[in-house]
């Protein structure tokens, strides 16, 4: 099954899967021998996808809405709604095609997590 984000097919090479890091603050009291730990919750789940676009990078990937909630479907089925945080791309040399081939890295945030 192909991956899609907002209905656009992507060919995923690497997937970090959902991850999160708790917000933890350290309080170092001057006359104490122990650090106090302050737990301040956690941010939303994030995920990093690396994928290849064989054609239509400008038309399909650059036009994906940033800051809006869009559906993500992986090879395991629906992954819920996500917000695109960032997209970066490197152009790959492929002399067998007359269109640009790009390796993209996309950071996304899970909506409602």
Protein backbone atom coordinates (compact mmCIF):
# COMPACT_ATOMS: atom_id res chain seq x y z
CA UNK A 1 0.00 0.00 0.00
CA UNK A 2 1.35 3.43 -0.92
CA UNK A 3 1.80 6.23 1.58
CA UNK A 4 -0.22 9.41 1.05
CA UNK A 5 -0.35 12.77 2.76
CA UNK A 6 -3.37 14.90 1.93
CA UNK A 7 -4.01 12.53 -0.99
CA UNK A 8 -0.53 12.98 -2.51
CA UNK A 9 1.40 9.71 -2.96
CA UNK A 10 4.88 9.61 -1.45
CA UNK A 11 7.50 6.83 -1.62
CA UNK A 12 8.85 6.57 1.93
CA UNK A 13 12.43 5.37 2.49
CA UNK A 14 12.75 6.09 6.22
CA UNK A 15 10.22 6.66 8.98
CA UNK A 16 11.05 7.67 12.56
CA UNK A 17 7.54 6.63 13.71
CA UNK A 18 5.78 8.67 16.39
CA UNK A 19 8.04 10.07 19.12
CA UNK A 20 7.86 12.53 21.98
CA UNK A 21 10.18 13.98 24.59
CA UNK A 22 8.80 15.06 27.96
CA UNK A 23 9.30 18.64 29.11
CA UNK A 24 11.55 18.29 32.14
CA UNK A 25 13.19 21.16 33.96
CA UNK A 26 16.05 20.85 36.40
CA UNK A 27 16.03 23.06 39.48
CA UNK A 28 19.46 23.31 41.10
CA UNK A 29 19.09 24.81 44.57
CA UNK A 30 22.35 26.46 45.62
CA UNK A 31 22.66 24.94 49.10
CA UNK A 32 21.33 21.49 48.16
CA UNK A 33 23.07 18.28 47.16
CA UNK A 34 20.24 17.17 44.93
CA UNK A 35 18.65 18.42 41.71
CA UNK A 36 14.89 18.84 41.75
CA UNK A 37 13.09 17.60 38.65
CA UNK A 38 10.04 19.50 37.41
CA UNK A 39 7.85 17.63 34.90
CA UNK A 40 5.83 20.02 32.72
CA UNK A 41 3.90 17.64 30.46
CA UNK A 42 4.85 16.66 26.95
CA UNK A 43 4.44 18.10 23.47
CA UNK A 44 2.42 16.45 20.70
CA UNK A 45 3.75 13.37 18.94
CA UNK A 46 6.13 14.17 16.08
CA UNK A 47 7.41 12.11 13.19
CA UNK A 48 10.05 12.50 10.48
CA UNK A 49 9.55 10.97 7.04
CA UNK A 50 12.15 10.71 4.32
CA UNK A 51 10.72 9.99 0.89
CA UNK A 52 11.47 10.26 -2.82
CA UNK A 53 9.38 12.23 -5.31
CA UNK A 54 9.90 11.06 -8.89
CA UNK A 55 7.91 13.86 -10.53
CA UNK A 56 5.73 16.78 -9.55
CA UNK A 57 7.71 18.10 -6.56
CA UNK A 58 6.77 21.75 -7.20
CA UNK A 59 3.14 20.92 -8.07
CA UNK A 60 2.42 18.31 -5.38
CA UNK A 61 4.81 18.64 -2.42
CA UNK A 62 5.45 22.38 -2.28
CA UNK A 63 1.72 23.05 -2.50
CA UNK A 64 0.87 20.90 0.55
CA UNK A 65 -0.79 23.14 3.14
CA UNK A 66 1.50 24.05 6.04
CA UNK A 67 -0.18 24.81 9.34
CA UNK A 68 -3.37 22.98 8.34
CA UNK A 69 -4.52 19.55 9.44
CA UNK A 70 -4.23 16.90 6.68
CA UNK A 71 -4.66 13.09 6.67
CA UNK A 72 -1.67 10.72 6.65
CA UNK A 73 -2.00 7.15 5.37
CA UNK A 74 0.95 4.74 5.69
CA UNK A 75 1.52 1.20 4.49
CA UNK A 76 -0.13 0.13 7.79
CA UNK A 77 -3.29 2.16 7.15
CA UNK A 78 -4.64 5.49 8.44
CA UNK A 79 -2.25 7.29 10.81
CA UNK A 80 -4.64 10.10 11.69
CA UNK A 81 -4.47 13.78 10.97
CA UNK A 82 -1.18 15.68 11.01
CA UNK A 83 0.17 19.18 10.60
CA UNK A 84 3.20 19.64 8.34
CA UNK A 85 5.93 21.36 10.34
CA UNK A 86 8.63 21.55 7.67
CA UNK A 87 9.76 20.11 4.33
CA UNK A 88 13.29 20.13 2.96
CA UNK A 89 14.49 18.59 -0.29
CA UNK A 90 17.64 17.61 -2.17
CA UNK A 91 17.61 17.08 -5.89
CA UNK A 92 18.93 13.69 -7.04
CA UNK A 93 20.68 13.07 -10.34
CA UNK A 94 18.62 10.73 -12.50
CA UNK A 95 19.50 10.86 -16.20
CA UNK A 96 16.80 8.31 -17.06
CA UNK A 97 14.04 10.89 -16.39
CA UNK A 98 13.18 14.23 -17.86
CA UNK A 99 11.66 15.42 -14.58
CA UNK A 100 13.41 16.37 -11.35
CA UNK A 101 13.76 13.63 -8.71
CA UNK A 102 13.90 14.82 -5.10
CA UNK A 103 14.64 13.22 -1.74
CA UNK A 104 12.49 15.04 0.82
CA UNK A 105 12.53 15.16 4.59
CA UNK A 106 9.23 16.11 6.18
CA UNK A 107 8.57 16.79 9.86
CA UNK A 108 4.96 16.38 10.95
CA UNK A 109 3.02 16.80 14.20
CA UNK A 110 0.09 14.56 15.11
CA UNK A 111 -3.14 16.46 15.55
CA UNK A 112 -4.98 15.87 18.83
CA UNK A 113 -2.26 13.85 20.58
